[in-house]
């Protein structure tokens, strides 16, 4: 299956378990990869035949910056479920990294979801 992706999407939000994490905005880095058959788009050279990555970029930013979750697993799943509303998409992989959490490493989570 073909992949359409965005890497290193920087967003700001208040996500975390501790009061300190939720009291201020932090940077989160998102990677989004969708499974989608791009053959029709390649043959037609028409945007209507594919999934415009700008749409899932915009929805991911809106969710990450407009909501607040205790767990980045919930943030990733919410983004994934929103993307999967487009039934043409076979599956999605979302990685969320908390880039400001520690000075010596970057924690994160990767989830994989598919159409039901």
N, C-alpha and C. Protein backbone atom coordinates (compact mmCIF):
# COMPACT_ATOMS: atom_id res chain seq x y z
N UNK A 1 0.85 -1.19 0.00
CA UNK A 1 0.00 0.00 0.00
C UNK A 1 0.89 1.24 0.00
N UNK A 2 0.45 2.26 -0.70
CA UNK A 2 1.18 3.51 -0.78
C UNK A 2 1.05 4.29 0.53
N UNK A 3 1.95 5.22 0.73
CA UNK A 3 1.96 6.05 1.94
C UNK A 3 1.97 7.52 1.55
N UNK A 4 1.20 8.30 2.27
CA UNK A 4 1.25 9.76 2.20
C UNK A 4 1.58 10.21 3.61
N UNK A 5 2.55 11.10 3.76
CA UNK A 5 3.00 11.42 5.12
C UNK A 5 3.39 12.87 5.31
N UNK A 6 3.40 13.24 6.57
CA UNK A 6 3.95 14.51 7.05
C UNK A 6 4.87 14.15 8.21
N UNK A 7 6.06 14.72 8.22
CA UNK A 7 6.99 14.50 9.32
C UNK A 7 7.31 15.81 10.02
N UNK A 8 7.53 15.71 11.31
CA UNK A 8 8.01 16.83 12.13
C UNK A 8 7.06 18.03 12.14
N UNK A 9 5.77 17.75 12.24
CA UNK A 9 4.79 18.83 12.37
C UNK A 9 4.84 19.34 13.80
N UNK A 10 5.27 20.58 13.96
CA UNK A 10 5.40 21.18 15.29
C UNK A 10 4.08 21.83 15.69
N UNK A 11 3.56 21.44 16.84
CA UNK A 11 2.34 22.02 17.39
C UNK A 11 2.59 22.38 18.85
N UNK A 12 1.75 23.23 19.39
CA UNK A 12 1.86 23.61 20.80
C UNK A 12 0.54 23.26 21.47
N UNK A 13 0.65 22.71 22.67
CA UNK A 13 -0.55 22.34 23.39
C UNK A 13 -0.28 22.08 24.85
N UNK A 14 -1.37 21.87 25.59
CA UNK A 14 -1.30 21.58 27.03
C UNK A 14 -1.73 20.14 27.26
N UNK A 15 -0.80 19.23 27.08
CA UNK A 15 -1.07 17.81 27.22
C UNK A 15 -0.09 17.22 28.24
N UNK A 16 -0.62 16.44 29.16
CA UNK A 16 0.23 15.80 30.16
C UNK A 16 -0.57 15.46 31.40
N UNK A 17 0.05 14.68 32.25
CA UNK A 17 -0.61 14.21 33.46
C UNK A 17 -0.46 15.22 34.60
N UNK A 18 0.71 15.80 34.74
CA UNK A 18 0.97 16.68 35.89
C UNK A 18 0.34 18.06 35.69
N UNK A 19 0.06 18.71 36.79
CA UNK A 19 -0.48 20.07 36.75
C UNK A 19 0.49 21.02 36.03
N UNK A 20 1.78 20.81 36.25
CA UNK A 20 2.79 21.66 35.62
C UNK A 20 2.73 21.53 34.10
N UNK A 21 2.61 20.31 33.60
CA UNK A 21 2.53 20.10 32.15
C UNK A 21 1.28 20.75 31.56
N UNK A 22 0.20 20.72 32.30
CA UNK A 22 -1.07 21.22 31.80
C UNK A 22 -1.24 22.73 32.01
N UNK A 23 -0.30 23.33 32.75
CA UNK A 23 -0.42 24.76 33.03
C UNK A 23 0.21 25.64 31.95
N UNK A 24 0.98 25.05 31.07
CA UNK A 24 1.67 25.83 30.04
C UNK A 24 1.71 25.04 28.74
N UNK A 25 1.80 25.77 27.65
CA UNK A 25 1.92 25.11 26.36
C UNK A 25 3.31 24.53 26.20
N UNK A 26 3.36 23.35 25.60
CA UNK A 26 4.62 22.69 25.27
C UNK A 26 4.62 22.40 23.78
N UNK A 27 5.80 22.18 23.23
CA UNK A 27 5.89 21.77 21.84
C UNK A 27 5.76 20.26 21.74
N UNK A 28 5.02 19.82 20.75
CA UNK A 28 4.87 18.41 20.42
C UNK A 28 5.20 18.26 18.94
N UNK A 29 5.91 17.21 18.61
CA UNK A 29 6.24 16.93 17.21
C UNK A 29 5.40 15.74 16.76
N UNK A 30 4.73 15.90 15.62
CA UNK A 30 3.86 14.86 15.09
C UNK A 30 4.39 14.34 13.76
N UNK A 31 4.34 13.04 13.59
CA UNK A 31 4.55 12.40 12.30
C UNK A 31 3.25 11.68 11.98
N UNK A 32 2.76 11.88 10.76
CA UNK A 32 1.50 11.29 10.33
C UNK A 32 1.76 10.56 9.02
N UNK A 33 1.37 9.30 8.98
CA UNK A 33 1.52 8.51 7.77
C UNK A 33 0.21 7.79 7.49
N UNK A 34 -0.33 7.99 6.31
CA UNK A 34 -1.56 7.30 5.97
C UNK A 34 -1.30 6.29 4.86
N UNK A 35 -2.10 5.22 4.87
CA UNK A 35 -2.07 4.22 3.80
C UNK A 35 -3.19 4.55 2.84
N UNK A 36 -2.80 4.74 1.58
CA UNK A 36 -3.77 5.16 0.58
C UNK A 36 -3.25 4.74 -0.79
N UNK A 37 -4.12 4.18 -1.61
CA UNK A 37 -3.75 3.78 -2.96
C UNK A 37 -3.68 5.03 -3.85
N UNK A 38 -2.48 5.40 -4.24
CA UNK A 38 -2.28 6.63 -5.02
C UNK A 38 -2.30 6.39 -6.53
N UNK A 39 -2.62 5.19 -6.96
CA UNK A 39 -2.55 4.87 -8.39
C UNK A 39 -3.44 5.80 -9.23
N UNK A 40 -4.69 6.00 -8.81
CA UNK A 40 -5.60 6.86 -9.58
C UNK A 40 -5.06 8.28 -9.67
N UNK A 41 -4.52 8.78 -8.59
CA UNK A 41 -3.96 10.14 -8.59
C UNK A 41 -2.74 10.23 -9.50
N UNK A 42 -1.91 9.20 -9.49
CA UNK A 42 -0.73 9.19 -10.34
C UNK A 42 -1.12 9.17 -11.82
N UNK A 43 -2.19 8.44 -12.13
CA UNK A 43 -2.64 8.36 -13.53
C UNK A 43 -3.31 9.65 -13.98
N UNK A 44 -4.09 10.28 -13.09
CA UNK A 44 -4.85 11.47 -13.48
C UNK A 44 -4.08 12.78 -13.27
N UNK A 45 -3.12 12.77 -12.37
CA UNK A 45 -2.41 13.99 -11.97
C UNK A 45 -3.38 15.05 -11.46
N UNK A 46 -4.41 14.56 -10.73
CA UNK A 46 -5.48 15.43 -10.24
C UNK A 46 -5.59 15.28 -8.73
N UNK A 47 -5.58 16.38 -8.01
CA UNK A 47 -5.67 16.37 -6.55
C UNK A 47 -6.93 15.65 -6.06
N UNK A 48 -7.99 15.68 -6.83
CA UNK A 48 -9.24 15.02 -6.42
C UNK A 48 -9.08 13.51 -6.29
N UNK A 49 -8.05 12.95 -6.89
CA UNK A 49 -7.83 11.51 -6.84
C UNK A 49 -6.96 11.05 -5.69
N UNK A 50 -6.62 11.95 -4.81
CA UNK A 50 -5.74 11.58 -3.69
C UNK A 50 -6.26 12.20 -2.40
N UNK A 51 -5.52 11.99 -1.34
CA UNK A 51 -5.80 12.63 -0.06
C UNK A 51 -4.82 13.79 0.09
N UNK A 52 -5.35 14.98 0.20
CA UNK A 52 -4.52 16.17 0.33
C UNK A 52 -3.93 16.22 1.74
N UNK A 53 -2.63 16.11 1.84
CA UNK A 53 -2.00 16.08 3.17
C UNK A 53 -2.25 17.36 3.95
N UNK A 54 -2.61 18.43 3.26
CA UNK A 54 -2.92 19.66 3.99
C UNK A 54 -4.15 19.48 4.86
N UNK A 55 -5.09 18.63 4.45
CA UNK A 55 -6.30 18.43 5.25
C UNK A 55 -5.98 17.70 6.55
N UNK A 56 -5.14 16.65 6.51
CA UNK A 56 -4.84 15.98 7.78
C UNK A 56 -3.82 16.75 8.60
N UNK A 57 -3.02 17.58 7.97
CA UNK A 57 -2.14 18.48 8.72
C UNK A 57 -2.98 19.47 9.52
N UNK A 58 -3.96 20.08 8.85
CA UNK A 58 -4.81 21.07 9.50
C UNK A 58 -5.63 20.46 10.64
N UNK A 59 -6.19 19.28 10.43
CA UNK A 59 -7.00 18.66 11.48
C UNK A 59 -6.13 18.25 12.67
N UNK A 60 -4.93 17.76 12.42
CA UNK A 60 -4.03 17.40 13.52
C UNK A 60 -3.66 18.63 14.35
N UNK A 61 -3.35 19.74 13.69
CA UNK A 61 -3.04 20.98 14.40
C UNK A 61 -4.23 21.45 15.23
N UNK A 62 -5.41 21.40 14.64
CA UNK A 62 -6.62 21.84 15.35
C UNK A 62 -6.86 21.01 16.60
N UNK A 63 -6.70 19.70 16.49
CA UNK A 63 -6.91 18.82 17.65
C UNK A 63 -5.84 19.05 18.70
N UNK A 64 -4.58 19.09 18.29
CA UNK A 64 -3.48 19.22 19.25
C UNK A 64 -3.49 20.58 19.94
N UNK A 65 -3.83 21.63 19.21
CA UNK A 65 -3.78 22.97 19.77
C UNK A 65 -5.10 23.41 20.40
N UNK A 66 -6.19 22.72 20.09
CA UNK A 66 -7.49 23.14 20.58
C UNK A 66 -8.06 22.27 21.69
N UNK A 67 -7.41 21.17 22.00
CA UNK A 67 -7.87 20.25 23.04
C UNK A 67 -6.76 20.06 24.06
N UNK A 68 -7.10 19.41 25.17
CA UNK A 68 -6.11 19.10 26.19
C UNK A 68 -6.35 17.67 26.66
N UNK A 69 -5.30 16.86 26.59
CA UNK A 69 -5.39 15.46 26.98
C UNK A 69 -4.35 15.15 28.05
N UNK A 70 -4.67 14.21 28.92
CA UNK A 70 -3.69 13.77 29.90
C UNK A 70 -2.59 12.94 29.22
N UNK A 71 -2.97 12.10 28.28
CA UNK A 71 -2.02 11.18 27.67
C UNK A 71 -1.81 11.49 26.19
N UNK A 72 -0.57 11.39 25.73
CA UNK A 72 -0.32 11.58 24.31
C UNK A 72 -0.89 10.42 23.49
N UNK A 73 -1.14 9.29 24.14
CA UNK A 73 -1.82 8.19 23.45
C UNK A 73 -3.22 8.62 23.01
N UNK A 74 -3.91 9.35 23.87
CA UNK A 74 -5.26 9.85 23.56
C UNK A 74 -5.19 10.91 22.46
N UNK A 75 -4.20 11.77 22.53
CA UNK A 75 -4.00 12.78 21.48
C UNK A 75 -3.79 12.09 20.14
N UNK A 76 -2.90 11.12 20.09
CA UNK A 76 -2.61 10.41 18.84
C UNK A 76 -3.84 9.68 18.32
N UNK A 77 -4.57 9.02 19.20
CA UNK A 77 -5.76 8.27 18.79
C UNK A 77 -6.85 9.20 18.27
N UNK A 78 -7.03 10.34 18.90
CA UNK A 78 -8.03 11.30 18.45
C UNK A 78 -7.71 11.80 17.05
N UNK A 79 -6.45 12.09 16.80
CA UNK A 79 -6.03 12.51 15.46
C UNK A 79 -6.26 11.39 14.46
N UNK A 80 -5.89 10.17 14.82
CA UNK A 80 -6.05 9.02 13.93
C UNK A 80 -7.52 8.79 13.58
N UNK A 81 -8.39 8.83 14.58
CA UNK A 81 -9.81 8.59 14.33
C UNK A 81 -10.39 9.68 13.42
N UNK A 82 -9.94 10.90 13.59
CA UNK A 82 -10.39 11.99 12.73
C UNK A 82 -9.96 11.75 11.28
N UNK A 83 -8.73 11.33 11.08
CA UNK A 83 -8.23 11.06 9.73
C UNK A 83 -8.99 9.90 9.09
N UNK A 84 -9.28 8.87 9.88
CA UNK A 84 -9.96 7.69 9.35
C UNK A 84 -11.43 7.93 9.01
N UNK A 85 -11.95 9.12 9.31
CA UNK A 85 -13.30 9.46 8.86
C UNK A 85 -13.38 9.46 7.34
N UNK A 86 -12.24 9.69 6.68
CA UNK A 86 -12.16 9.56 5.22
C UNK A 86 -12.02 8.07 4.91
N UNK A 87 -13.08 7.45 4.46
CA UNK A 87 -13.13 5.99 4.27
C UNK A 87 -12.21 5.50 3.16
N UNK A 88 -11.65 6.40 2.37
CA UNK A 88 -10.68 6.00 1.34
C UNK A 88 -9.34 5.63 1.95
N UNK A 89 -9.10 6.08 3.18
CA UNK A 89 -7.82 5.84 3.85
C UNK A 89 -7.87 4.48 4.52
N UNK A 90 -6.93 3.61 4.17
CA UNK A 90 -6.92 2.24 4.71
C UNK A 90 -6.40 2.18 6.14
N UNK A 91 -5.46 3.02 6.46
CA UNK A 91 -4.88 3.01 7.80
C UNK A 91 -4.07 4.26 8.06
N UNK A 92 -3.69 4.44 9.31
CA UNK A 92 -2.92 5.63 9.69
C UNK A 92 -1.95 5.26 10.81
N UNK A 93 -0.79 5.87 10.76
CA UNK A 93 0.20 5.73 11.83
C UNK A 93 0.54 7.14 12.31
N UNK A 94 0.44 7.35 13.62
CA UNK A 94 0.69 8.66 14.22
C UNK A 94 1.78 8.51 15.28
N UNK A 95 2.78 9.35 15.21
CA UNK A 95 3.79 9.44 16.27
C UNK A 95 3.70 10.82 16.90
N UNK A 96 3.71 10.84 18.23
CA UNK A 96 3.70 12.10 18.99
C UNK A 96 4.92 12.09 19.89
N UNK A 97 5.73 13.14 19.80
CA UNK A 97 6.92 13.29 20.64
C UNK A 97 6.78 14.54 21.50
N UNK A 98 7.17 14.42 22.76
CA UNK A 98 7.17 15.57 23.67
C UNK A 98 8.58 16.15 23.67
N UNK A 99 8.81 17.09 22.78
CA UNK A 99 10.16 17.57 22.53
C UNK A 99 10.74 18.44 23.65
N UNK A 100 9.90 18.97 24.53
CA UNK A 100 10.39 19.83 25.61
C UNK A 100 10.40 19.13 26.98
N UNK A 101 10.06 17.87 27.04
CA UNK A 101 9.89 17.18 28.32
C UNK A 101 11.21 17.04 29.09
N UNK A 102 12.23 16.53 28.42
CA UNK A 102 13.53 16.29 29.06
C UNK A 102 14.64 16.93 28.24
N UNK A 103 15.73 17.21 28.89
CA UNK A 103 16.87 17.79 28.18
C UNK A 103 17.76 16.72 27.55
N UNK A 104 17.63 15.47 28.00
CA UNK A 104 18.54 14.43 27.51
C UNK A 104 17.88 13.37 26.62
N UNK A 105 16.57 13.50 26.35
CA UNK A 105 15.90 12.54 25.48
C UNK A 105 14.53 13.09 25.09
N UNK A 106 13.89 12.42 24.16
CA UNK A 106 12.56 12.82 23.71
C UNK A 106 11.62 11.63 23.81
N UNK A 107 10.68 11.65 24.75
CA UNK A 107 9.71 10.56 24.86
C UNK A 107 8.60 10.71 23.82
N UNK A 108 7.94 9.62 23.53
CA UNK A 108 6.84 9.70 22.58
C UNK A 108 6.08 8.38 22.48
N UNK A 109 5.15 8.36 21.58
CA UNK A 109 4.32 7.18 21.34
C UNK A 109 4.02 7.12 19.84
N UNK A 110 3.90 5.91 19.34
CA UNK A 110 3.44 5.68 17.97
C UNK A 110 2.25 4.74 18.03
N UNK A 111 1.17 5.11 17.36
CA UNK A 111 0.00 4.25 17.29
C UNK A 111 -0.29 3.93 15.84
N UNK A 112 -0.93 2.81 15.59
CA UNK A 112 -1.34 2.39 14.26
C UNK A 112 -2.82 2.03 14.33
N UNK A 113 -3.61 2.59 13.44
CA UNK A 113 -5.04 2.31 13.39
C UNK A 113 -5.43 2.02 11.94
N UNK A 114 -6.46 1.18 11.77
CA UNK A 114 -6.94 0.83 10.44
C UNK A 114 -8.45 1.01 10.37
N UNK A 115 -8.95 1.08 9.15
CA UNK A 115 -10.40 1.15 8.98
C UNK A 115 -11.04 -0.10 9.58
N UNK A 116 -12.20 0.07 10.18
CA UNK A 116 -12.91 -1.06 10.78
C UNK A 116 -13.56 -1.90 9.72
